[in-house]
N, C-alpha and C. Protein backbone atom coordinates (compact mmCIF):
# COMPACT_ATOMS: atom_id res chain seq x y z
N MET A 1 74.67 178.51 -109.85
CA MET A 1 75.40 177.34 -109.68
C MET A 1 75.21 176.98 -108.14
N THR A 2 74.96 175.74 -107.91
CA THR A 2 74.79 175.23 -106.50
C THR A 2 76.07 175.00 -105.79
N THR A 3 76.09 175.53 -104.51
CA THR A 3 77.43 175.45 -103.84
C THR A 3 77.29 174.14 -103.05
N ILE A 4 78.39 173.46 -102.76
CA ILE A 4 78.39 172.16 -101.98
C ILE A 4 79.45 172.48 -100.89
N GLU A 5 78.86 172.29 -99.73
CA GLU A 5 79.76 172.45 -98.57
C GLU A 5 80.26 171.13 -98.14
N ASP A 6 81.45 170.86 -98.03
CA ASP A 6 82.07 169.58 -97.54
C ASP A 6 82.18 169.65 -95.98
N HIS A 7 81.45 169.07 -95.21
CA HIS A 7 81.54 168.97 -93.84
C HIS A 7 82.62 168.23 -93.36
N THR A 8 83.64 168.63 -92.64
CA THR A 8 84.62 167.75 -92.23
C THR A 8 84.70 167.97 -90.56
N LEU A 9 83.56 168.05 -90.02
CA LEU A 9 83.47 168.29 -88.60
C LEU A 9 83.75 167.12 -87.85
N ASP A 10 84.22 167.23 -86.61
CA ASP A 10 84.42 166.14 -85.73
C ASP A 10 83.24 165.48 -85.37
N SER A 11 83.10 164.26 -85.49
CA SER A 11 81.66 163.50 -85.29
C SER A 11 81.12 163.72 -83.96
N ARG A 12 81.91 164.18 -83.00
CA ARG A 12 81.28 164.41 -81.58
C ARG A 12 80.57 165.69 -81.66
N ASN A 13 80.77 166.56 -82.63
CA ASN A 13 79.93 167.78 -82.71
C ASN A 13 78.92 167.74 -83.86
N PRO A 14 77.65 167.71 -83.40
CA PRO A 14 76.60 167.60 -84.46
C PRO A 14 76.45 168.67 -85.34
N ILE A 15 76.04 168.44 -86.42
CA ILE A 15 75.68 169.53 -87.47
C ILE A 15 74.27 169.95 -87.05
N VAL A 16 73.94 171.19 -86.92
CA VAL A 16 72.62 171.58 -86.53
C VAL A 16 71.92 172.19 -87.75
N LEU A 17 70.82 171.62 -88.08
CA LEU A 17 70.01 172.12 -89.25
C LEU A 17 68.53 172.56 -88.71
N THR A 18 68.18 173.73 -89.23
CA THR A 18 66.80 174.06 -88.98
C THR A 18 65.81 173.12 -89.90
N SER A 19 64.77 172.72 -89.31
CA SER A 19 64.02 171.63 -89.90
C SER A 19 62.49 171.88 -89.97
N ARG A 20 61.86 171.44 -90.92
CA ARG A 20 60.46 171.41 -90.97
C ARG A 20 59.84 170.38 -91.80
N ARG A 21 58.55 170.06 -91.61
CA ARG A 21 57.96 169.08 -92.33
C ARG A 21 57.30 169.78 -93.64
N ILE A 22 57.45 169.20 -94.79
CA ILE A 22 56.73 169.72 -96.02
C ILE A 22 55.93 168.69 -96.53
N ASP A 23 54.68 168.96 -96.80
CA ASP A 23 53.76 168.01 -97.39
C ASP A 23 53.79 168.10 -98.89
N THR A 24 53.78 167.03 -99.45
CA THR A 24 53.87 166.94 -100.91
C THR A 24 52.84 165.91 -101.42
N PRO A 25 52.42 165.85 -102.76
CA PRO A 25 51.40 164.88 -103.18
C PRO A 25 51.77 163.38 -102.94
N ILE A 26 53.07 163.07 -102.63
CA ILE A 26 53.35 161.66 -102.45
C ILE A 26 53.80 161.52 -101.04
N GLY A 27 53.37 162.30 -100.23
CA GLY A 27 53.53 162.21 -98.67
C GLY A 27 54.38 163.16 -97.94
N PRO A 28 54.43 163.33 -96.72
CA PRO A 28 55.18 164.40 -96.06
C PRO A 28 56.66 164.11 -96.11
N MET A 29 57.44 165.08 -96.11
CA MET A 29 58.91 165.08 -96.18
C MET A 29 59.47 165.91 -94.86
N ARG A 30 60.50 165.55 -94.53
CA ARG A 30 61.35 166.29 -93.60
C ARG A 30 62.54 166.94 -94.18
N ALA A 31 62.48 168.17 -94.18
CA ALA A 31 63.75 168.96 -94.72
C ALA A 31 64.60 169.78 -93.65
N GLY A 32 65.78 169.74 -93.92
CA GLY A 32 66.77 170.41 -93.05
C GLY A 32 67.81 171.19 -93.80
N ALA A 33 67.91 172.46 -93.15
CA ALA A 33 69.03 173.33 -93.88
C ALA A 33 69.79 174.23 -92.85
N SER A 34 70.80 174.61 -93.35
CA SER A 34 71.76 175.56 -92.51
C SER A 34 71.92 176.88 -93.50
N ASP A 35 72.71 177.68 -93.14
CA ASP A 35 72.94 178.88 -93.92
C ASP A 35 73.76 178.44 -95.07
N GLN A 36 74.47 177.34 -95.04
CA GLN A 36 75.34 177.05 -96.24
C GLN A 36 74.50 176.15 -97.29
N GLY A 37 73.37 175.51 -96.87
CA GLY A 37 72.45 174.93 -97.86
C GLY A 37 71.55 173.90 -97.31
N LEU A 38 70.80 173.38 -98.22
CA LEU A 38 69.89 172.25 -97.91
C LEU A 38 70.70 170.99 -97.65
N ALA A 39 70.39 170.30 -96.56
CA ALA A 39 71.32 169.07 -96.23
C ALA A 39 70.46 167.86 -96.15
N LEU A 40 69.13 168.02 -96.05
CA LEU A 40 68.17 166.96 -95.79
C LEU A 40 66.99 167.13 -96.51
N LEU A 41 66.36 166.08 -97.18
CA LEU A 41 64.95 165.97 -97.70
C LEU A 41 64.69 164.62 -97.84
N GLU A 42 63.93 164.11 -96.86
CA GLU A 42 63.62 162.67 -96.89
C GLU A 42 62.19 162.50 -96.58
N PHE A 43 61.55 161.40 -97.01
CA PHE A 43 60.26 161.04 -96.81
C PHE A 43 59.97 160.70 -95.47
N ALA A 44 58.84 161.20 -94.82
CA ALA A 44 58.76 161.09 -93.29
C ALA A 44 57.30 160.74 -93.00
N GLU A 45 56.79 159.47 -93.19
CA GLU A 45 55.50 159.07 -92.91
C GLU A 45 55.20 159.14 -91.41
N HIS A 46 56.26 158.70 -90.44
CA HIS A 46 55.91 158.66 -89.11
C HIS A 46 56.77 159.87 -88.46
N ASP A 47 56.89 160.98 -89.05
CA ASP A 47 57.78 162.02 -88.66
C ASP A 47 57.03 162.82 -87.47
N LEU A 48 57.76 163.18 -86.45
CA LEU A 48 57.20 163.72 -85.33
C LEU A 48 58.01 165.10 -85.10
N PRO A 49 57.21 166.10 -84.73
CA PRO A 49 57.91 167.52 -84.52
C PRO A 49 58.84 167.50 -83.39
N GLY A 50 59.73 168.42 -83.30
CA GLY A 50 60.63 168.49 -82.16
C GLY A 50 62.14 168.25 -82.52
N ASN A 51 63.00 168.29 -81.58
CA ASN A 51 64.44 168.05 -81.89
C ASN A 51 64.62 166.52 -82.07
N GLU A 52 65.61 166.25 -82.99
CA GLU A 52 65.85 164.97 -83.25
C GLU A 52 67.14 164.68 -83.79
N ARG A 53 67.92 163.73 -83.36
CA ARG A 53 69.16 163.43 -83.79
C ARG A 53 69.29 162.26 -84.93
N ARG A 54 70.06 162.43 -85.93
CA ARG A 54 70.09 161.57 -87.05
C ARG A 54 71.62 161.26 -87.32
N ALA A 55 71.82 160.03 -87.63
CA ALA A 55 73.27 159.72 -88.30
C ALA A 55 73.05 160.00 -89.80
N MET A 56 74.12 160.48 -90.37
CA MET A 56 74.17 161.02 -91.70
C MET A 56 75.33 160.30 -92.49
N GLY A 57 76.07 159.41 -91.94
CA GLY A 57 77.15 158.91 -92.70
C GLY A 57 78.37 159.53 -92.24
N GLN A 58 79.38 158.66 -92.43
CA GLN A 58 80.83 158.97 -91.86
C GLN A 58 80.95 159.42 -90.37
N GLY A 59 79.96 158.92 -89.68
CA GLY A 59 79.88 159.15 -88.15
C GLY A 59 79.35 160.51 -87.87
N ARG A 60 78.80 161.16 -88.94
CA ARG A 60 78.26 162.57 -88.70
C ARG A 60 76.81 162.44 -88.06
N THR A 61 76.69 163.21 -86.98
CA THR A 61 75.37 163.38 -86.37
C THR A 61 74.79 164.69 -86.70
N VAL A 62 73.53 164.63 -87.09
CA VAL A 62 72.81 165.86 -87.36
C VAL A 62 71.68 166.12 -86.32
N LEU A 63 71.61 167.25 -85.79
CA LEU A 63 70.51 167.61 -84.99
C LEU A 63 69.55 168.56 -85.58
N LEU A 64 68.31 168.05 -85.72
CA LEU A 64 67.26 168.70 -86.35
C LEU A 64 66.59 169.64 -85.35
N GLU A 65 66.38 170.87 -85.59
CA GLU A 65 65.66 171.82 -84.67
C GLU A 65 64.49 172.47 -85.60
N ASP A 66 63.29 172.19 -85.19
CA ASP A 66 62.18 172.83 -85.96
C ASP A 66 62.29 174.26 -85.91
N GLY A 67 61.99 174.94 -87.04
CA GLY A 67 61.97 176.28 -87.23
C GLY A 67 61.67 176.69 -88.61
N ASP A 68 61.94 178.05 -88.83
CA ASP A 68 61.70 178.61 -90.27
C ASP A 68 63.22 178.99 -90.65
N HIS A 69 63.46 178.90 -91.86
CA HIS A 69 64.65 179.17 -92.61
C HIS A 69 64.30 179.60 -94.08
N PRO A 70 64.94 180.64 -94.34
CA PRO A 70 64.66 181.17 -95.90
C PRO A 70 64.75 179.96 -96.92
N LEU A 71 65.74 179.00 -96.76
CA LEU A 71 66.00 178.02 -97.75
C LEU A 71 64.75 176.91 -97.68
N LEU A 72 64.27 176.79 -96.50
CA LEU A 72 63.10 175.78 -96.34
C LEU A 72 61.80 176.39 -97.14
N GLU A 73 61.91 177.69 -96.91
CA GLU A 73 60.56 178.42 -97.64
C GLU A 73 60.77 178.26 -99.15
N ARG A 74 61.92 178.60 -99.59
CA ARG A 74 62.27 178.47 -101.08
C ARG A 74 62.09 176.93 -101.55
N LEU A 75 62.53 176.11 -100.72
CA LEU A 75 62.30 174.66 -101.15
C LEU A 75 60.95 174.27 -101.12
N SER A 76 59.96 174.77 -100.29
CA SER A 76 58.62 174.52 -100.43
C SER A 76 58.07 175.04 -101.68
N ARG A 77 58.46 176.22 -102.09
CA ARG A 77 57.94 176.78 -103.38
C ARG A 77 58.45 175.96 -104.56
N GLU A 78 59.69 175.61 -104.54
CA GLU A 78 60.21 174.89 -105.74
C GLU A 78 59.67 173.43 -105.94
N LEU A 79 59.35 172.82 -104.63
CA LEU A 79 58.94 171.50 -104.67
C LEU A 79 57.39 171.62 -105.30
N ALA A 80 56.62 172.69 -104.78
CA ALA A 80 55.36 172.84 -105.29
C ALA A 80 55.36 172.96 -106.80
N ASP A 81 56.22 173.81 -107.30
CA ASP A 81 56.48 173.94 -108.79
C ASP A 81 56.75 172.69 -109.41
N TYR A 82 57.65 171.92 -108.91
CA TYR A 82 58.11 170.60 -109.49
C TYR A 82 56.89 169.79 -109.73
N PHE A 83 56.10 169.53 -108.64
CA PHE A 83 54.94 168.62 -108.62
C PHE A 83 53.80 169.06 -109.52
N GLU A 84 53.84 170.35 -109.87
CA GLU A 84 52.81 170.97 -110.71
C GLU A 84 53.38 170.90 -112.25
N GLY A 85 54.62 170.57 -112.33
CA GLY A 85 55.10 170.38 -113.71
C GLY A 85 55.80 171.64 -114.33
N ARG A 86 55.90 172.75 -113.36
CA ARG A 86 56.52 174.07 -113.75
C ARG A 86 58.07 174.13 -113.59
N ARG A 87 58.58 173.09 -113.05
CA ARG A 87 60.05 173.23 -112.56
C ARG A 87 60.66 172.03 -112.91
N ASN A 88 61.84 172.04 -113.64
CA ASN A 88 62.60 170.72 -113.88
C ASN A 88 64.08 170.74 -113.31
N ALA A 89 64.33 171.77 -112.45
CA ALA A 89 65.62 171.88 -111.86
C ALA A 89 65.41 172.69 -110.62
N PHE A 90 66.23 172.32 -109.67
CA PHE A 90 66.16 172.99 -108.32
C PHE A 90 67.41 173.92 -108.36
N THR A 91 67.15 175.19 -107.48
CA THR A 91 68.20 176.27 -107.62
C THR A 91 68.86 176.32 -106.18
N LEU A 92 68.50 175.56 -105.27
CA LEU A 92 68.97 175.77 -103.84
C LEU A 92 70.41 175.28 -103.73
N PRO A 93 71.22 176.11 -102.80
CA PRO A 93 72.52 175.60 -102.55
C PRO A 93 72.38 174.23 -101.58
N LEU A 94 73.32 173.46 -101.88
CA LEU A 94 73.20 172.07 -101.27
C LEU A 94 74.36 171.85 -100.40
N THR A 95 74.21 171.04 -99.35
CA THR A 95 75.25 170.65 -98.42
C THR A 95 75.22 169.11 -98.45
N PHE A 96 76.37 168.57 -98.92
CA PHE A 96 76.42 167.15 -98.92
C PHE A 96 77.21 166.61 -97.57
N ILE A 97 76.69 165.57 -96.89
CA ILE A 97 77.30 165.05 -95.76
C ILE A 97 77.64 163.63 -96.16
N GLY A 98 78.85 163.30 -96.56
CA GLY A 98 79.14 161.79 -96.99
C GLY A 98 80.62 161.79 -97.31
N THR A 99 81.05 160.55 -97.67
CA THR A 99 82.31 160.33 -98.14
C THR A 99 82.64 161.10 -99.55
N PRO A 100 83.87 161.09 -99.87
CA PRO A 100 84.16 161.60 -101.20
C PRO A 100 83.49 160.88 -102.44
N PHE A 101 83.45 159.46 -102.22
CA PHE A 101 82.82 158.65 -103.25
C PHE A 101 81.36 158.92 -103.29
N GLU A 102 80.68 159.03 -102.09
CA GLU A 102 79.24 159.29 -102.12
C GLU A 102 78.92 160.68 -102.68
N ARG A 103 79.68 161.61 -102.40
CA ARG A 103 79.59 162.98 -102.96
C ARG A 103 79.75 162.88 -104.54
N ASP A 104 80.69 162.12 -104.97
CA ASP A 104 80.93 161.95 -106.53
C ASP A 104 79.59 161.36 -107.03
N ALA A 105 79.10 160.33 -106.44
CA ALA A 105 77.90 159.57 -106.88
C ALA A 105 76.60 160.65 -106.91
N TRP A 106 76.54 161.39 -105.90
CA TRP A 106 75.50 162.43 -105.92
C TRP A 106 75.73 163.43 -106.98
N GLU A 107 76.80 163.85 -107.23
CA GLU A 107 77.11 164.77 -108.25
C GLU A 107 76.75 164.15 -109.61
N ALA A 108 77.01 162.84 -109.81
CA ALA A 108 76.66 162.26 -111.01
C ALA A 108 75.14 162.16 -111.14
N LEU A 109 74.40 161.86 -110.08
CA LEU A 109 72.92 162.00 -110.11
C LEU A 109 72.47 163.31 -110.61
N ARG A 110 73.08 164.34 -110.24
CA ARG A 110 72.63 165.66 -110.63
C ARG A 110 72.80 165.99 -112.27
N THR A 111 73.63 165.08 -112.75
CA THR A 111 73.77 165.24 -114.25
C THR A 111 72.66 164.48 -115.09
N ILE A 112 71.88 163.62 -114.53
CA ILE A 112 70.86 163.12 -115.29
C ILE A 112 69.85 163.96 -115.58
N PRO A 113 69.61 164.15 -116.90
CA PRO A 113 68.50 165.15 -117.27
C PRO A 113 67.05 164.86 -116.71
N PHE A 114 66.32 165.89 -116.42
CA PHE A 114 64.96 165.79 -116.07
C PHE A 114 64.15 164.97 -117.14
N GLY A 115 63.38 163.99 -116.53
CA GLY A 115 62.71 163.25 -117.60
C GLY A 115 63.49 162.07 -118.17
N GLU A 116 64.56 161.82 -117.77
CA GLU A 116 65.27 160.66 -118.17
C GLU A 116 65.80 159.78 -117.10
N THR A 117 66.21 158.59 -117.42
CA THR A 117 66.73 157.55 -116.42
C THR A 117 67.98 157.07 -116.97
N ARG A 118 68.80 156.51 -116.07
CA ARG A 118 70.00 155.82 -116.24
C ARG A 118 70.13 154.54 -115.45
N THR A 119 70.98 153.67 -115.78
CA THR A 119 71.07 152.41 -115.04
C THR A 119 72.38 152.73 -114.00
N TYR A 120 72.23 151.87 -112.92
CA TYR A 120 73.43 152.00 -111.98
C TYR A 120 74.71 151.82 -112.81
N ALA A 121 74.81 150.96 -113.80
CA ALA A 121 75.99 150.68 -114.54
C ALA A 121 76.43 152.05 -115.21
N GLU A 122 75.32 152.72 -115.83
CA GLU A 122 75.65 153.92 -116.56
C GLU A 122 76.27 154.98 -115.74
N GLN A 123 75.55 155.07 -114.48
CA GLN A 123 76.03 155.99 -113.45
C GLN A 123 77.55 155.72 -113.06
N ALA A 124 77.84 154.63 -112.79
CA ALA A 124 79.21 154.08 -112.50
C ALA A 124 80.17 154.56 -113.63
N ARG A 125 79.77 154.19 -114.79
CA ARG A 125 80.56 154.52 -115.95
C ARG A 125 80.79 156.10 -116.09
N SER A 126 79.65 156.81 -115.81
CA SER A 126 79.84 158.32 -115.92
C SER A 126 80.74 158.92 -114.88
N MET A 127 81.03 158.07 -113.80
CA MET A 127 81.75 158.64 -112.72
C MET A 127 83.30 158.10 -112.87
N GLY A 128 83.56 157.30 -114.05
CA GLY A 128 84.89 156.73 -114.34
C GLY A 128 85.21 155.60 -113.35
N ARG A 129 84.05 154.97 -112.99
CA ARG A 129 84.14 153.71 -111.94
C ARG A 129 83.36 152.63 -112.38
N ALA A 130 83.57 152.10 -113.68
CA ALA A 130 82.66 151.27 -114.30
C ALA A 130 82.57 149.94 -113.52
N THR A 131 83.36 149.59 -112.68
CA THR A 131 83.25 148.27 -111.93
C THR A 131 82.66 148.58 -110.46
N ALA A 132 82.32 149.76 -110.16
CA ALA A 132 81.83 150.09 -108.80
C ALA A 132 80.30 150.20 -108.83
N VAL A 133 79.48 149.43 -109.74
CA VAL A 133 78.06 149.38 -109.64
C VAL A 133 77.36 149.27 -108.38
N ARG A 134 77.82 148.38 -107.53
CA ARG A 134 77.20 148.10 -106.26
C ARG A 134 77.51 149.20 -105.27
N ALA A 135 78.71 149.79 -105.31
CA ALA A 135 79.05 150.84 -104.50
C ALA A 135 78.25 152.14 -104.82
N VAL A 136 77.96 152.30 -106.07
CA VAL A 136 77.24 153.36 -106.53
C VAL A 136 75.67 153.23 -105.95
N GLY A 137 75.17 152.05 -106.09
CA GLY A 137 73.82 151.69 -105.50
C GLY A 137 73.76 152.11 -104.01
N ARG A 138 74.81 151.68 -103.39
CA ARG A 138 74.84 151.95 -101.81
C ARG A 138 74.99 153.56 -101.66
N ALA A 139 75.77 154.20 -102.37
CA ALA A 139 75.89 155.70 -102.27
C ALA A 139 74.58 156.23 -102.61
N ASN A 140 73.87 155.88 -103.61
CA ASN A 140 72.51 156.40 -103.93
C ASN A 140 71.55 156.16 -102.77
N GLY A 141 71.62 155.05 -102.16
CA GLY A 141 70.74 154.75 -101.01
C GLY A 141 71.09 155.60 -99.70
N ARG A 142 72.32 156.16 -99.76
CA ARG A 142 72.69 157.03 -98.67
C ARG A 142 72.35 158.59 -99.05
N ASN A 143 71.80 158.98 -100.22
CA ASN A 143 71.50 160.17 -100.60
C ASN A 143 70.30 160.62 -99.66
N ARG A 144 70.56 161.80 -98.99
CA ARG A 144 69.78 162.41 -98.03
C ARG A 144 68.85 163.64 -98.62
N LEU A 145 68.98 163.81 -100.01
CA LEU A 145 68.33 164.97 -100.60
C LEU A 145 67.31 164.37 -101.62
N ALA A 146 66.38 163.58 -101.26
CA ALA A 146 65.39 162.96 -102.20
C ALA A 146 64.92 164.13 -103.14
N ILE A 147 64.64 163.71 -104.34
CA ILE A 147 64.09 164.59 -105.49
C ILE A 147 65.00 165.68 -105.91
N VAL A 148 65.57 166.39 -105.03
CA VAL A 148 66.47 167.53 -105.34
C VAL A 148 67.80 166.86 -106.01
N VAL A 149 68.20 165.86 -105.35
CA VAL A 149 69.41 165.02 -105.87
C VAL A 149 68.75 163.80 -106.46
N PRO A 150 68.46 163.72 -107.73
CA PRO A 150 67.46 162.68 -108.24
C PRO A 150 67.88 161.12 -108.31
N CYS A 151 68.05 160.53 -107.17
CA CYS A 151 68.36 159.13 -107.23
C CYS A 151 67.28 158.40 -107.87
N HIS A 152 66.02 158.89 -107.91
CA HIS A 152 64.86 158.18 -108.39
C HIS A 152 64.95 158.06 -109.96
N ARG A 153 65.98 158.74 -110.57
CA ARG A 153 66.24 158.46 -111.94
C ARG A 153 67.02 157.44 -112.30
N VAL A 154 67.53 156.63 -111.32
CA VAL A 154 68.34 155.55 -111.64
C VAL A 154 67.61 154.20 -111.39
N ILE A 155 67.72 153.37 -112.51
CA ILE A 155 67.03 152.13 -112.56
C ILE A 155 67.94 150.91 -112.76
N ALA A 156 67.47 149.75 -112.57
CA ALA A 156 68.28 148.55 -112.79
C ALA A 156 68.33 148.35 -114.32
N SER A 157 69.36 147.59 -114.70
CA SER A 157 69.47 147.13 -116.00
C SER A 157 68.25 146.37 -116.51
N GLY A 158 67.76 146.77 -117.66
CA GLY A 158 66.58 146.15 -118.16
C GLY A 158 65.32 146.96 -117.88
N GLY A 159 65.55 148.11 -117.32
CA GLY A 159 64.43 149.13 -116.95
C GLY A 159 63.51 148.77 -115.69
N ARG A 160 64.03 147.83 -114.94
CA ARG A 160 63.28 147.50 -113.75
C ARG A 160 63.56 148.52 -112.56
N LEU A 161 62.45 148.78 -112.03
CA LEU A 161 62.68 149.81 -110.76
C LEU A 161 63.13 149.06 -109.73
N CYS A 162 64.15 149.55 -108.83
CA CYS A 162 64.80 148.98 -107.45
C CYS A 162 65.31 150.11 -106.81
N GLY A 163 65.49 149.71 -105.54
CA GLY A 163 66.32 150.51 -104.61
C GLY A 163 65.87 151.93 -104.45
N TYR A 164 64.73 152.17 -103.72
CA TYR A 164 64.44 153.61 -103.57
C TYR A 164 63.96 153.76 -101.99
N ASN A 165 64.60 154.53 -101.34
CA ASN A 165 64.35 154.64 -99.84
C ASN A 165 62.81 155.09 -99.56
N GLY A 166 62.25 155.85 -100.58
CA GLY A 166 60.86 156.28 -100.34
C GLY A 166 59.78 155.29 -100.87
N GLY A 167 60.30 154.16 -101.33
CA GLY A 167 59.38 153.12 -101.82
C GLY A 167 59.15 153.21 -103.29
N LEU A 168 59.16 152.06 -104.15
CA LEU A 168 59.09 152.01 -105.46
C LEU A 168 57.96 152.80 -106.01
N TRP A 169 56.80 152.71 -105.30
CA TRP A 169 55.71 153.47 -105.89
C TRP A 169 55.99 154.93 -106.00
N ARG A 170 56.75 155.47 -105.06
CA ARG A 170 57.15 156.87 -105.27
C ARG A 170 58.15 157.01 -106.37
N LYS A 171 58.96 156.12 -106.58
CA LYS A 171 60.03 156.26 -107.61
C LYS A 171 59.34 156.27 -109.00
N GLN A 172 58.35 155.44 -109.17
CA GLN A 172 57.64 155.34 -110.44
C GLN A 172 56.79 156.64 -110.49
N PHE A 173 56.13 157.10 -109.64
CA PHE A 173 55.44 158.26 -109.64
C PHE A 173 56.33 159.50 -110.03
N LEU A 174 57.48 159.52 -109.54
CA LEU A 174 58.38 160.65 -109.87
C LEU A 174 58.85 160.54 -111.35
N ILE A 175 59.25 159.43 -111.68
CA ILE A 175 59.73 159.15 -113.18
C ILE A 175 58.54 159.43 -114.06
N GLU A 176 57.45 158.98 -113.80
CA GLU A 176 56.32 159.28 -114.65
C GLU A 176 55.95 160.82 -114.64
N LEU A 177 56.00 161.43 -113.61
CA LEU A 177 55.67 162.98 -113.55
C LEU A 177 56.80 163.62 -114.42
N GLU A 178 57.93 163.25 -114.25
CA GLU A 178 59.08 163.85 -115.17
C GLU A 178 58.87 163.70 -116.53
N ALA A 179 58.43 162.51 -116.93
CA ALA A 179 58.25 161.95 -118.28
C ALA A 179 57.06 162.83 -118.83
N ARG A 180 56.15 163.05 -118.13
CA ARG A 180 55.00 163.83 -118.66
C ARG A 180 55.29 165.45 -118.85
N HIS A 181 56.36 165.82 -118.16
CA HIS A 181 56.62 167.30 -118.09
C HIS A 181 57.95 167.50 -118.69
N ALA A 182 58.68 166.58 -119.25
CA ALA A 182 60.00 166.84 -119.80
C ALA A 182 59.85 167.65 -120.98
N PRO A 183 60.87 168.50 -121.33
CA PRO A 183 60.83 169.26 -122.54
C PRO A 183 60.61 168.32 -123.70
N GLY A 184 59.72 168.63 -124.59
CA GLY A 184 59.66 167.84 -125.79
C GLY A 184 58.74 166.44 -125.54
N ALA A 185 58.23 166.20 -124.42
CA ALA A 185 57.57 165.20 -124.13
C ALA A 185 56.15 165.16 -124.74
N PRO A 186 55.72 164.00 -125.32
CA PRO A 186 54.39 163.94 -125.87
C PRO A 186 53.32 164.39 -124.93
N ALA A 187 52.28 164.86 -125.27
CA ALA A 187 51.23 165.15 -124.24
C ALA A 187 50.84 164.03 -123.32
N GLN A 188 50.75 162.92 -123.74
CA GLN A 188 50.44 161.66 -122.89
C GLN A 188 51.53 160.84 -122.84
N ALA A 189 52.70 161.10 -122.33
CA ALA A 189 53.72 160.21 -122.12
C ALA A 189 53.37 159.19 -121.23
N GLY A 190 53.72 157.93 -121.35
CA GLY A 190 53.48 156.92 -120.47
C GLY A 190 54.70 156.49 -119.57
N ALA A 191 54.51 155.55 -118.87
CA ALA A 191 55.56 155.08 -117.84
C ALA A 191 56.82 154.56 -118.53
N CYS A 192 57.86 154.75 -118.04
CA CYS A 192 59.15 154.27 -118.68
C CYS A 192 59.58 152.93 -118.32
N CYS A 193 58.98 152.57 -117.28
CA CYS A 193 59.46 151.33 -116.66
C CYS A 193 58.41 150.39 -116.25
N SER A 194 58.55 149.12 -115.92
CA SER A 194 57.54 148.23 -115.53
C SER A 194 57.88 147.80 -114.19
């Protein structure tokens, strides 16, 4: 089971994460972890090495310090397996930095099965917040754990792709990758969305 650490630190004291760049088939990503868990995995086309400060929501500031960490090594292996179709779930402990509503939305994302999609309305209903569709969309947009917390599995009503910080082409790539490798998927599963 994945542990979720609720950071209630004073916003004047940054959260320090060990960080590194990870190359993937859909572009470089920046990952950040502490001993409590993985807290950051974002696409990083213009990523520069070195120390960097980032705002992470609720006034939380994160300081990224380049280095090695066992969780980052494990993440690299699990991402490689995921992209090769050998992994459909991640086993890393996670650290969520956000509001209680955002954390609820991110937990709801984690319940969407590999190879499936849900609409924002379905996600809101699964949280017991059927009228909070826009708030769910905003919370998904603040997800800082791309792929591992699968906001790419959420689509607009009618099957249309929308709202992905990594770009819609990446969202489509990830949905199609999972459709091809989902348990019970036909050998040549096509795209689920247009």
